[in-house]
Amino acid sequence: MTLIKTGQGFWDPVVWLVSVALSALIVYWIWSKGRKDYKEGTEQDKPFLCGHPEPEKGKVHVRASNIYWGFTEALKGYYDPLIKSHTGVLSDYVGWLIGILALVSFIILVV
């Protein structure tokens, strides 16, 4: 077999091709064991909601504020000052980034 020498070690393309082919055969075998009676575009496509009818699109929408409510409520003392200091001006954030990088660089160089 032909080995390709790289800076990090050896790489054998034949072994990789055999591994990919073997993996593809295993995936195809698992896929072929699936259900044969599935029909696309029928009731089988709809989600099961414990016998309830499918709700309207607008009623199932979950706002992001609801998803993260507990997280933001628990960290309210941290988020409130951040929200107040948020300006939305990109140059402010770049200035903070440069200042913090300068401070970290100074600490690294001194210590």
PDB file of N, CA and C in Angstrom:
ATOM      1  N   MET A   1       0.839  -1.187   0.000  1.00  0.00           N
ATOM      2  CA  MET A   1       0.000   0.000   0.000  1.00  0.00           C
ATOM      3  C   MET A   1       0.882   1.248   0.000  1.00  0.00           C
ATOM      4  N   THR A   2       0.357   2.290  -0.584  1.00  0.00           N
ATOM      5  CA  THR A   2       1.101   3.530  -0.675  1.00  0.00           C
ATOM      6  C   THR A   2       0.727   4.441   0.490  1.00  0.00           C
ATOM      7  N   LEU A   3       1.732   4.894   1.217  1.00  0.00           N
ATOM      8  CA  LEU A   3       1.503   5.809   2.327  1.00  0.00           C
ATOM      9  C   LEU A   3       1.904   7.210   1.893  1.00  0.00           C
ATOM     10  N   ILE A   4       1.113   8.177   2.280  1.00  0.00           N
ATOM     11  CA  ILE A   4       1.432   9.572   2.018  1.00  0.00           C
ATOM     12  C   ILE A   4       1.969  10.156   3.310  1.00  0.00           C
ATOM     13  N   LYS A   5       3.200  10.647   3.254  1.00  0.00           N
ATOM     14  CA  LYS A   5       3.809  11.207   4.452  1.00  0.00           C
ATOM     15  C   LYS A   5       3.455  12.691   4.534  1.00  0.00           C
ATOM     16  N   THR A   6       2.862  13.069   5.649  1.00  0.00           N
ATOM     17  CA  THR A   6       2.512  14.466   5.884  1.00  0.00           C
ATOM     18  C   THR A   6       3.313  14.959   7.079  1.00  0.00           C
ATOM     19  N   GLY A   7       3.167  16.200   7.413  1.00  0.00           N
ATOM     20  CA  GLY A   7       3.863  16.740   8.567  1.00  0.00           C
ATOM     21  C   GLY A   7       3.356  16.178   9.882  1.00  0.00           C
ATOM     22  N   GLN A   8       2.170  15.582   9.869  1.00  0.00           N
ATOM     23  CA  GLN A   8       1.562  15.083  11.094  1.00  0.00           C
ATOM     24  C   GLN A   8       1.615  13.567  11.206  1.00  0.00           C
ATOM     25  N   GLY A   9       2.142  12.866  10.212  1.00  0.00           N
ATOM     26  CA  GLY A   9       2.181  11.410  10.265  1.00  0.00           C
ATOM     27  C   GLY A   9       1.960  10.823   8.888  1.00  0.00           C
ATOM     28  N   PHE A  10       1.412   9.616   8.854  1.00  0.00           N
ATOM     29  CA  PHE A  10       1.175   8.927   7.592  1.00  0.00           C
ATOM     30  C   PHE A  10      -0.319   8.802   7.348  1.00  0.00           C
ATOM     31  N   TRP A  11      -0.687   8.799   6.070  1.00  0.00           N
ATOM     32  CA  TRP A  11      -2.084   8.707   5.676  1.00  0.00           C
ATOM     33  C   TRP A  11      -2.183   7.721   4.541  1.00  0.00           C
ATOM     34  N   ASP A  12      -3.045   6.729   4.664  1.00  0.00           N
ATOM     35  CA  ASP A  12      -3.196   5.716   3.633  1.00  0.00           C
ATOM     36  C   ASP A  12      -4.558   5.897   2.960  1.00  0.00           C
ATOM     37  N   PRO A  13      -4.576   6.387   1.718  1.00  0.00           N
ATOM     38  CA  PRO A  13      -5.852   6.651   1.054  1.00  0.00           C
ATOM     39  C   PRO A  13      -6.667   5.397   0.797  1.00  0.00           C
ATOM     40  N   VAL A  14      -6.040   4.262   0.574  1.00  0.00           N
ATOM     41  CA  VAL A  14      -6.780   3.023   0.315  1.00  0.00           C
ATOM     42  C   VAL A  14      -7.567   2.610   1.553  1.00  0.00           C
ATOM     43  N   VAL A  15      -6.956   2.731   2.713  1.00  0.00           N
ATOM     44  CA  VAL A  15      -7.657   2.382   3.955  1.00  0.00           C
ATOM     45  C   VAL A  15      -8.855   3.304   4.155  1.00  0.00           C
ATOM     46  N   TRP A  16      -8.694   4.600   3.853  1.00  0.00           N
ATOM     47  CA  TRP A  16      -9.813   5.539   3.984  1.00  0.00           C
ATOM     48  C   TRP A  16     -10.934   5.201   3.013  1.00  0.00           C
ATOM     49  N   LEU A  17     -10.610   4.875   1.764  1.00  0.00           N
ATOM     50  CA  LEU A  17     -11.647   4.518   0.788  1.00  0.00           C
ATOM     51  C   LEU A  17     -12.388   3.250   1.197  1.00  0.00           C
ATOM     52  N   VAL A  18     -11.672   2.252   1.693  1.00  0.00           N
ATOM     53  CA  VAL A  18     -12.320   1.025   2.164  1.00  0.00           C
ATOM     54  C   VAL A  18     -13.200   1.327   3.374  1.00  0.00           C
ATOM     55  N   SER A  19     -12.744   2.179   4.284  1.00  0.00           N
ATOM     56  CA  SER A  19     -13.541   2.545   5.463  1.00  0.00           C
ATOM     57  C   SER A  19     -14.816   3.269   5.072  1.00  0.00           C
ATOM     58  N   VAL A  20     -14.717   4.193   4.125  1.00  0.00           N
ATOM     59  CA  VAL A  20     -15.906   4.929   3.663  1.00  0.00           C
ATOM     60  C   VAL A  20     -16.880   3.978   2.982  1.00  0.00           C
ATOM     61  N   ALA A  21     -16.377   3.080   2.132  1.00  0.00           N
ATOM     62  CA  ALA A  21     -17.248   2.125   1.446  1.00  0.00           C
ATOM     63  C   ALA A  21     -17.934   1.195   2.442  1.00  0.00           C
ATOM     64  N   LEU A  22     -17.197   0.724   3.428  1.00  0.00           N
ATOM     65  CA  LEU A  22     -17.772  -0.158   4.448  1.00  0.00           C
ATOM     66  C   LEU A  22     -18.828   0.579   5.271  1.00  0.00           C
ATOM     67  N   SER A  23     -18.548   1.819   5.634  1.00  0.00           N
ATOM     68  CA  SER A  23     -19.530   2.622   6.370  1.00  0.00           C
ATOM     69  C   SER A  23     -20.790   2.843   5.543  1.00  0.00           C
ATOM     70  N   ALA A  24     -20.628   3.113   4.249  1.00  0.00           N
ATOM     71  CA  ALA A  24     -21.789   3.305   3.374  1.00  0.00           C
ATOM     72  C   ALA A  24     -22.625   2.036   3.280  1.00  0.00           C
ATOM     73  N   LEU A  25     -21.975   0.880   3.214  1.00  0.00           N
ATOM     74  CA  LEU A  25     -22.715  -0.383   3.183  1.00  0.00           C
ATOM     75  C   LEU A  25     -23.485  -0.615   4.478  1.00  0.00           C
ATOM     76  N   ILE A  26     -22.887  -0.307   5.615  1.00  0.00           N
ATOM     77  CA  ILE A  26     -23.575  -0.469   6.902  1.00  0.00           C
ATOM     78  C   ILE A  26     -24.772   0.470   6.999  1.00  0.00           C
ATOM     79  N   VAL A  27     -24.597   1.712   6.575  1.00  0.00           N
ATOM     80  CA  VAL A  27     -25.703   2.678   6.596  1.00  0.00           C
ATOM     81  C   VAL A  27     -26.821   2.222   5.672  1.00  0.00           C
ATOM     82  N   TYR A  28     -26.485   1.743   4.479  1.00  0.00           N
ATOM     83  CA  TYR A  28     -27.507   1.270   3.538  1.00  0.00           C
ATOM     84  C   TYR A  28     -28.239   0.059   4.110  1.00  0.00           C
ATOM     85  N   TRP A  29     -27.518  -0.848   4.767  1.00  0.00           N
ATOM     86  CA  TRP A  29     -28.156  -2.025   5.357  1.00  0.00           C
ATOM     87  C   TRP A  29     -29.138  -1.615   6.447  1.00  0.00           C
ATOM     88  N   ILE A  30     -28.742  -0.664   7.328  1.00  0.00           N
ATOM     89  CA  ILE A  30     -29.650  -0.195   8.380  1.00  0.00           C
ATOM     90  C   ILE A  30     -30.865   0.495   7.761  1.00  0.00           C
ATOM     91  N   TRP A  31     -30.640   1.316   6.721  1.00  0.00           N
ATOM     92  CA  TRP A  31     -31.749   2.016   6.062  1.00  0.00           C
ATOM     93  C   TRP A  31     -32.711   1.024   5.411  1.00  0.00           C
ATOM     94  N   SER A  32     -32.191  -0.071   4.822  1.00  0.00           N
ATOM     95  CA  SER A  32     -33.055  -1.042   4.139  1.00  0.00           C
ATOM     96  C   SER A  32     -33.928  -1.823   5.108  1.00  0.00           C
ATOM     97  N   LYS A  33     -33.577  -1.843   6.390  1.00  0.00           N
ATOM     98  CA  LYS A  33     -34.382  -2.537   7.393  1.00  0.00           C
ATOM     99  C   LYS A  33     -35.556  -1.682   7.880  1.00  0.00           C
ATOM    100  N   GLY A  34     -35.707  -0.476   7.338  1.00  0.00           N
ATOM    101  CA  GLY A  34     -36.767   0.432   7.773  1.00  0.00           C
ATOM    102  C   GLY A  34     -38.149  -0.021   7.341  1.00  0.00           C
ATOM    103  N   ARG A  35     -39.159   0.767   7.721  1.00  0.00           N
ATOM    104  CA  ARG A  35     -40.547   0.440   7.416  1.00  0.00           C
ATOM    105  C   ARG A  35     -40.805   0.556   5.927  1.00  0.00           C
ATOM    106  N   LYS A  36     -41.471  -0.446   5.367  1.00  0.00           N
ATOM    107  CA  LYS A  36     -41.794  -0.447   3.937  1.00  0.00           C
ATOM    108  C   LYS A  36     -43.183   0.134   3.668  1.00  0.00           C
ATOM    109  N   ASP A  37     -44.010   0.261   4.728  1.00  0.00           N
ATOM    110  CA  ASP A  37     -45.387   0.696   4.531  1.00  0.00           C
ATOM    111  C   ASP A  37     -45.566   2.209   4.681  1.00  0.00           C
ATOM    112  N   TYR A  38     -44.500   2.960   4.761  1.00  0.00           N
ATOM    113  CA  TYR A  38     -44.591   4.421   4.890  1.00  0.00           C
ATOM    114  C   TYR A  38     -45.008   5.034   3.557  1.00  0.00           C
ATOM    115  N   LYS A  39     -46.013   5.928   3.628  1.00  0.00           N
ATOM    116  CA  LYS A  39     -46.501   6.602   2.422  1.00  0.00           C
ATOM    117  C   LYS A  39     -46.403   8.104   2.641  1.00  0.00           C
ATOM    118  N   GLU A  40     -45.613   8.763   1.821  1.00  0.00           N
ATOM    119  CA  GLU A  40     -45.424  10.207   1.932  1.00  0.00           C
ATOM    120  C   GLU A  40     -46.671  10.931   1.438  1.00  0.00           C
ATOM    121  N   GLY A  41     -47.015  12.048   2.113  1.00  0.00           N
ATOM    122  CA  GLY A  41     -48.167  12.844   1.716  1.00  0.00           C
ATOM    123  C   GLY A  41     -49.477  12.357   2.296  1.00  0.00           C
ATOM    124  N   THR A  42     -49.447  11.448   3.279  1.00  0.00           N
ATOM    125  CA  THR A  42     -50.663  10.947   3.915  1.00  0.00           C
ATOM    126  C   THR A  42     -50.687  11.399   5.370  1.00  0.00           C
ATOM    127  N   GLU A  43     -51.580  10.812   6.154  1.00  0.00           N
ATOM    128  CA  GLU A  43     -51.674  11.121   7.580  1.00  0.00           C
ATOM    129  C   GLU A  43     -50.386  10.753   8.322  1.00  0.00           C
ATOM    130  N   GLN A  44     -49.576   9.890   7.743  1.00  0.00           N
ATOM    131  CA  GLN A  44     -48.339   9.468   8.398  1.00  0.00           C
ATOM    132  C   GLN A  44     -47.341  10.607   8.513  1.00  0.00           C
ATOM    133  N   ASP A  45     -47.478  11.631   7.698  1.00  0.00           N
ATOM    134  CA  ASP A  45     -46.566  12.781   7.735  1.00  0.00           C
ATOM    135  C   ASP A  45     -46.886  13.749   8.863  1.00  0.00           C
ATOM    136  N   LYS A  46     -48.108  13.719   9.367  1.00  0.00           N
ATOM    137  CA  LYS A  46     -48.525  14.686  10.383  1.00  0.00           C
ATOM    138  C   LYS A  46     -47.996  14.296  11.753  1.00  0.00           C
ATOM    139  N   PRO A  47     -47.710  15.282  12.612  1.00  0.00           N
ATOM    140  CA  PRO A  47     -47.212  14.959  13.956  1.00  0.00           C
ATOM    141  C   PRO A  47     -48.331  14.365  14.816  1.00  0.00           C
ATOM    142  N   PHE A  48     -47.983  13.470  15.732  1.00  0.00           N
ATOM    143  CA  PHE A  48     -48.956  12.890  16.649  1.00  0.00           C
ATOM    144  C   PHE A  48     -49.088  13.794  17.860  1.00  0.00           C
ATOM    145  N   LEU A  49     -50.291  14.295  18.082  1.00  0.00           N
ATOM    146  CA  LEU A  49     -50.538  15.212  19.195  1.00  0.00           C
ATOM    147  C   LEU A  49     -51.554  14.627  20.160  1.00  0.00           C
ATOM    148  N   CYS A  50     -51.417  13.360  20.486  1.00  0.00           N
ATOM    149  CA  CYS A  50     -52.263  12.662  21.461  1.00  0.00           C
ATOM    150  C   CYS A  50     -53.736  12.728  21.093  1.00  0.00           C
ATOM    151  N   GLY A  51     -54.059  12.657  19.829  1.00  0.00           N
ATOM    152  CA  GLY A  51     -55.434  12.643  19.375  1.00  0.00           C
ATOM    153  C   GLY A  51     -56.044  14.010  19.164  1.00  0.00           C
ATOM    154  N   HIS A  52     -55.370  15.080  19.536  1.00  0.00           N
ATOM    155  CA  HIS A  52     -55.885  16.428  19.332  1.00  0.00           C
ATOM    156  C   HIS A  52     -55.673  16.856  17.885  1.00  0.00           C
ATOM    157  N   PRO A  53     -56.557  17.705  17.366  1.00  0.00           N
ATOM    158  CA  PRO A  53     -56.343  18.180  15.998  1.00  0.00           C
ATOM    159  C   PRO A  53     -55.112  19.078  15.916  1.00  0.00           C
ATOM    160  N   GLU A  54     -54.547  19.160  14.732  1.00  0.00           N
ATOM    161  CA  GLU A  54     -53.353  19.987  14.546  1.00  0.00           C
ATOM    162  C   GLU A  54     -53.725  21.457  14.719  1.00  0.00           C
ATOM    163  N   PRO A  55     -53.031  22.191  15.617  1.00  0.00           N
ATOM    164  CA  PRO A  55     -53.374  23.600  15.860  1.00  0.00           C
ATOM    165  C   PRO A  55     -52.953  24.482  14.683  1.00  0.00           C
ATOM    166  N   GLU A  56     -53.512  25.700  14.677  1.00  0.00           N
ATOM    167  CA  GLU A  56     -53.151  26.662  13.643  1.00  0.00           C
ATOM    168  C   GLU A  56     -51.691  27.055  13.795  1.00  0.00           C
ATOM    169  N   LYS A  57     -51.092  27.508  12.700  1.00  0.00           N
ATOM    170  CA  LYS A  57     -49.667  27.852  12.715  1.00  0.00           C
ATOM    171  C   LYS A  57     -49.347  28.939  13.742  1.00  0.00           C
ATOM    172  N   GLY A  58     -50.163  29.963  13.860  1.00  0.00           N
ATOM    173  CA  GLY A  58     -49.890  31.069  14.771  1.00  0.00           C
ATOM    174  C   GLY A  58     -49.969  30.682  16.239  1.00  0.00           C
ATOM    175  N   LYS A  59     -50.725  29.654  16.564  1.00  0.00           N
ATOM    176  CA  LYS A  59     -50.909  29.276  17.955  1.00  0.00           C
ATOM    177  C   LYS A  59     -49.784  28.386  18.489  1.00  0.00           C
ATOM    178  N   VAL A  60     -48.971  27.819  17.631  1.00  0.00           N
ATOM    179  CA  VAL A  60     -47.893  26.958  18.096  1.00  0.00           C
ATOM    180  C   VAL A  60     -46.548  27.674  18.094  1.00  0.00           C
ATOM    181  N   HIS A  61     -46.526  28.915  17.666  1.00  0.00           N
ATOM    182  CA  HIS A  61     -45.271  29.674  17.628  1.00  0.00           C
ATOM    183  C   HIS A  61     -44.846  30.026  19.049  1.00  0.00           C
ATOM    184  N   VAL A  62     -43.613  29.690  19.398  1.00  0.00           N
ATOM    185  CA  VAL A  62     -43.076  29.996  20.716  1.00  0.00           C
ATOM    186  C   VAL A  62     -42.047  31.103  20.556  1.00  0.00           C
ATOM    187  N   ARG A  63     -42.286  32.239  21.216  1.00  0.00           N
ATOM    188  CA  ARG A  63     -41.338  33.349  21.113  1.00  0.00           C
ATOM    189  C   ARG A  63     -40.062  33.014  21.852  1.00  0.00           C
ATOM    190  N   ALA A  64     -38.959  33.569  21.422  1.00  0.00           N
ATOM    191  CA  ALA A  64     -37.669  33.295  22.047  1.00  0.00           C
ATOM    192  C   ALA A  64     -37.640  33.788  23.492  1.00  0.00           C
ATOM    193  N   SER A  65     -38.393  34.834  23.796  1.00  0.00           N
ATOM    194  CA  SER A  65     -38.403  35.313  25.177  1.00  0.00           C
ATOM    195  C   SER A  65     -39.006  34.264  26.106  1.00  0.00           C
ATOM    196  N   ASN A  66     -39.926  33.446  25.605  1.00  0.00           N
ATOM    197  CA  ASN A  66     -40.496  32.377  26.418  1.00  0.00           C
ATOM    198  C   ASN A  66     -39.504  31.238  26.609  1.00  0.00           C
ATOM    199  N   ILE A  67     -38.723  30.949  25.588  1.00  0.00           N
ATOM    200  CA  ILE A  67     -37.779  29.840  25.672  1.00  0.00           C
ATOM    201  C   ILE A  67     -36.701  30.136  26.701  1.00  0.00           C
ATOM    202  N   TYR A  68     -36.197  31.355  26.704  1.00  0.00           N
ATOM    203  CA  TYR A  68     -35.085  31.712  27.581  1.00  0.00           C
ATOM    204  C   TYR A  68     -35.528  32.458  28.836  1.00  0.00           C
ATOM    205  N   TRP A  69     -36.813  32.417  29.182  1.00  0.00           N
ATOM    206  CA  TRP A  69     -37.316  33.190  30.308  1.00  0.00           C
ATOM    207  C   TRP A  69     -36.597  32.833  31.602  1.00  0.00           C
ATOM    208  N   GLY A  70     -36.479  31.548  31.926  1.00  0.00           N
ATOM    209  CA  GLY A  70     -35.859  31.145  33.187  1.00  0.00           C
ATOM    210  C   GLY A  70     -34.391  31.527  33.253  1.00  0.00           C
ATOM    211  N   PHE A  71     -33.712  31.417  32.116  1.00  0.00           N
ATOM    212  CA  PHE A  71     -32.297  31.755  32.059  1.00  0.00           C
ATOM    213  C   PHE A  71     -32.090  33.244  32.294  1.00  0.00           C
ATOM    214  N   THR A  72     -32.851  34.077  31.597  1.00  0.00           N
ATOM    215  CA  THR A  72     -32.682  35.522  31.746  1.00  0.00           C
ATOM    216  C   THR A  72     -33.201  36.010  33.088  1.00  0.00           C
ATOM    217  N   GLU A  73     -34.215  35.371  33.622  1.00  0.00           N
ATOM    218  CA  GLU A  73     -34.744  35.774  34.931  1.00  0.00           C
ATOM    219  C   GLU A  73     -33.738  35.457  36.036  1.00  0.00           C
ATOM    220  N   ALA A  74     -33.065  34.311  35.926  1.00  0.00           N
ATOM    221  CA  ALA A  74     -32.081  33.931  36.936  1.00  0.00           C
ATOM    222  C   ALA A  74     -30.860  34.850  36.893  1.00  0.00           C
ATOM    223  N   LEU A  75     -30.515  35.347  35.720  1.00  0.00           N
ATOM    224  CA  LEU A  75     -29.345  36.202  35.565  1.00  0.00           C
ATOM    225  C   LEU A  75     -29.729  37.668  35.352  1.00  0.00           C
ATOM    226  N   LYS A  76     -30.887  38.066  35.861  1.00  0.00           N
ATOM    227  CA  LYS A  76     -31.376  39.427  35.667  1.00  0.00           C
ATOM    228  C   LYS A  76     -30.405  40.476  36.210  1.00  0.00           C
ATOM    229  N   GLY A  77     -29.769  40.193  37.339  1.00  0.00           N
ATOM    230  CA  GLY A  77     -28.808  41.134  37.909  1.00  0.00           C
ATOM    231  C   GLY A  77     -27.603  41.351  37.008  1.00  0.00           C
ATOM    232  N   TYR A  78     -27.288  40.379  36.185  1.00  0.00           N
ATOM    233  CA  TYR A  78     -26.178  40.498  35.245  1.00  0.00           C
ATOM    234  C   TYR A  78     -26.637  41.170  33.948  1.00  0.00           C
ATOM    235  N   TYR A  79     -27.832  40.798  33.464  1.00  0.00           N
ATOM    236  CA  TYR A  79     -28.306  41.299  32.177  1.00  0.00           C
ATOM    237  C   TYR A  79     -28.770  42.755  32.218  1.00  0.00           C
ATOM    238  N   ASP A  80     -29.377  43.195  33.306  1.00  0.00           N
ATOM    239  CA  ASP A  80     -29.894  44.567  33.357  1.00  0.00           C
ATOM    240  C   ASP A  80     -28.819  45.624  33.110  1.00  0.00           C
ATOM    241  N   PRO A  81     -27.652  45.565  33.773  1.00  0.00           N
ATOM    242  CA  PRO A  81     -26.614  46.556  33.462  1.00  0.00           C
ATOM    243  C   PRO A  81     -26.105  46.447  32.018  1.00  0.00           C
ATOM    244  N   LEU A  82     -26.066  45.230  31.485  1.00  0.00           N
ATOM    245  CA  LEU A  82     -25.615  45.075  30.102  1.00  0.00           C
ATOM    246  C   LEU A  82     -26.596  45.699  29.122  1.00  0.00           C
ATOM    247  N   ILE A  83     -27.875  45.531  29.385  1.00  0.00           N
ATOM    248  CA  ILE A  83     -28.892  46.092  28.497  1.00  0.00           C
ATOM    249  C   ILE A  83     -28.851  47.622  28.547  1.00  0.00           C
ATOM    250  N   LYS A  84     -28.625  48.174  29.743  1.00  0.00           N
ATOM    251  CA  LYS A  84     -28.549  49.631  29.870  1.00  0.00           C
ATOM    252  C   LYS A  84     -27.331  50.193  29.150  1.00  0.00           C
ATOM    253  N   SER A  85     -26.211  49.440  29.149  1.00  0.00           N
ATOM    254  CA  SER A  85     -24.993  49.940  28.502  1.00  0.00           C
ATOM    255  C   SER A  85     -24.968  49.649  27.009  1.00  0.00           C
ATOM    256  N   HIS A  86     -25.927  48.922  26.496  1.00  0.00           N
ATOM    257  CA  HIS A  86     -25.973  48.572  25.080  1.00  0.00           C
ATOM    258  C   HIS A  86     -26.397  49.789  24.253  1.00  0.00           C
ATOM    259  N   THR A  87     -25.520  50.211  23.344  1.00  0.00           N
ATOM    260  CA  THR A  87     -25.824  51.373  22.503  1.00  0.00           C
ATOM    261  C   THR A  87     -26.207  50.992  21.093  1.00  0.00           C
ATOM    262  N   GLY A  88     -25.707  49.867  20.607  1.00  0.00           N
ATOM    263  CA  GLY A  88     -25.983  49.457  19.238  1.00  0.00           C
ATOM    264  C   GLY A  88     -25.032  50.074  18.227  1.00  0.00           C
ATOM    265  N   VAL A  89     -24.072  50.867  18.687  1.00  0.00           N
ATOM    266  CA  VAL A  89     -23.111  51.506  17.791  1.00  0.00           C
ATOM    267  C   VAL A  89     -21.882  50.597  17.699  1.00  0.00           C
ATOM    268  N   LEU A  90     -21.548  50.177  16.490  1.00  0.00           N
ATOM    269  CA  LEU A  90     -20.461  49.231  16.300  1.00  0.00           C
ATOM    270  C   LEU A  90     -19.117  49.769  16.774  1.00  0.00           C
ATOM    271  N   SER A  91     -18.867  51.043  16.595  1.00  0.00           N
ATOM    272  CA  SER A  91     -17.576  51.599  17.005  1.00  0.00           C
ATOM    273  C   SER A  91     -17.385  51.530  18.524  1.00  0.00           C
ATOM    274  N   ASP A  92     -18.475  51.569  19.294  1.00  0.00           N
ATOM    275  CA  ASP A  92     -18.364  51.396  20.744  1.00  0.00           C
ATOM    276  C   ASP A  92     -17.844  49.997  21.088  1.00  0.00           C
ATOM    277  N   TYR A  93     -18.376  48.987  20.412  1.00  0.00           N
ATOM    278  CA  TYR A  93     -17.965  47.611  20.687  1.00  0.00           C
ATOM    279  C   TYR A  93     -16.531  47.361  20.239  1.00  0.00           C
ATOM    280  N   VAL A  94     -16.142  47.934  19.117  1.00  0.00           N
ATOM    281  CA  VAL A  94     -14.763  47.794  18.652  1.00  0.00           C
ATOM    282  C   VAL A  94     -13.821  48.462  19.640  1.00  0.00           C
ATOM    283  N   GLY A  95     -14.212  49.608  20.170  1.00  0.00           N
ATOM    284  CA  GLY A  95     -13.401  50.281  21.181  1.00  0.00           C
ATOM    285  C   GLY A  95     -13.234  49.441  22.435  1.00  0.00           C
ATOM    286  N   TRP A  96     -14.334  48.820  22.900  1.00  0.00           N
ATOM    287  CA  TRP A  96     -14.255  47.932  24.060  1.00  0.00           C
ATOM    288  C   TRP A  96     -13.348  46.737  23.756  1.00  0.00           C
ATOM    289  N   LEU A  97     -13.463  46.181  22.558  1.00  0.00           N
ATOM    290  CA  LEU A  97     -12.637  45.044  22.174  1.00  0.00           C
ATOM    291  C   LEU A  97     -11.151  45.410  22.190  1.00  0.00           C
ATOM    292  N   ILE A  98     -10.822  46.544  21.602  1.00  0.00           N
ATOM    293  CA  ILE A  98      -9.429  46.982  21.569  1.00  0.00           C
ATOM    294  C   ILE A  98      -8.916  47.261  22.987  1.00  0.00           C
ATOM    295  N   GLY A  99      -9.740  47.897  23.811  1.00  0.00           N
ATOM    296  CA  GLY A  99      -9.338  48.179  25.193  1.00  0.00           C
ATOM    297  C   GLY A  99      -9.106  46.913  25.995  1.00  0.00           C
ATOM    298  N   ILE A 100      -9.987  45.950  25.879  1.00  0.00           N
ATOM    299  CA  ILE A 100      -9.839  44.703  26.623  1.00  0.00           C
ATOM    300  C   ILE A 100      -8.636  43.916  26.118  1.00  0.00           C
ATOM    301  N   LEU A 101      -8.439  43.893  24.782  1.00  0.00           N
ATOM    302  CA  LEU A 101      -7.262  43.218  24.245  1.00  0.00           C
ATOM    303  C   LEU A 101      -5.974  43.882  24.724  1.00  0.00           C
ATOM    304  N   ALA A 102      -5.957  45.202  24.800  1.00  0.00           N
ATOM    305  CA  ALA A 102      -4.779  45.904  25.299  1.00  0.00           C
ATOM    306  C   ALA A 102      -4.536  45.559  26.765  1.00  0.00           C
ATOM    307  N   LEU A 103      -5.595  45.511  27.563  1.00  0.00           N
ATOM    308  CA  LEU A 103      -5.460  45.164  28.973  1.00  0.00           C
ATOM    309  C   LEU A 103      -4.948  43.733  29.150  1.00  0.00           C
ATOM    310  N   VAL A 104      -5.513  42.797  28.403  1.00  0.00           N
ATOM    311  CA  VAL A 104      -5.076  41.403  28.491  1.00  0.00           C
ATOM    312  C   VAL A 104      -3.628  41.271  28.029  1.00  0.00           C
ATOM    313  N   SER A 105      -3.268  41.952  26.957  1.00  0.00           N
ATOM    314  CA  SER A 105      -1.883  41.921  26.462  1.00  0.00           C
ATOM    315  C   SER A 105      -0.925  42.481  27.511  1.00  0.00           C
ATOM    316  N   PHE A 106      -1.326  43.570  28.138  1.00  0.00           N
ATOM    317  CA  PHE A 106      -0.499  44.172  29.189  1.00  0.00           C
ATOM    318  C   PHE A 106      -0.292  43.204  30.344  1.00  0.00           C
ATOM    319  N   ILE A 107      -1.371  42.552  30.763  1.00  0.00           N
ATOM    320  CA  ILE A 107      -1.284  41.598  31.877  1.00  0.00           C
ATOM    321  C   ILE A 107      -0.385  40.435  31.497  1.00  0.00           C
ATOM    322  N   ILE A 108      -0.514  39.939  30.276  1.00  0.00           N
ATOM    323  CA  ILE A 108       0.320  38.806  29.840  1.00  0.00           C
ATOM    324  C   ILE A 108       1.788  39.207  29.784  1.00  0.00           C
ATOM    325  N   LEU A 109       2.071  40.406  29.272  1.00  0.00           N
ATOM    326  CA  LEU A 109       3.456  40.837  29.140  1.00  0.00           C
ATOM    327  C   LEU A 109       4.105  41.142  30.493  1.00  0.00           C
ATOM    328  N   VAL A 110       3.327  41.678  31.417  1.00  0.00           N
ATOM    329  CA  VAL A 110       3.883  42.030  32.719  1.00  0.00           C
ATOM    330  C   VAL A 110       4.072  40.784  33.582  1.00  0.00           C
ATOM    331  N   VAL A 111       3.133  39.891  33.532  1.00  0.00           N
ATOM    332  CA  VAL A 111       3.202  38.679  34.354  1.00  0.00           C
ATOM    333  C   VAL A 111       3.992  37.656  33.607  1.00  0.00           C
TER     334      VAL A 111
END
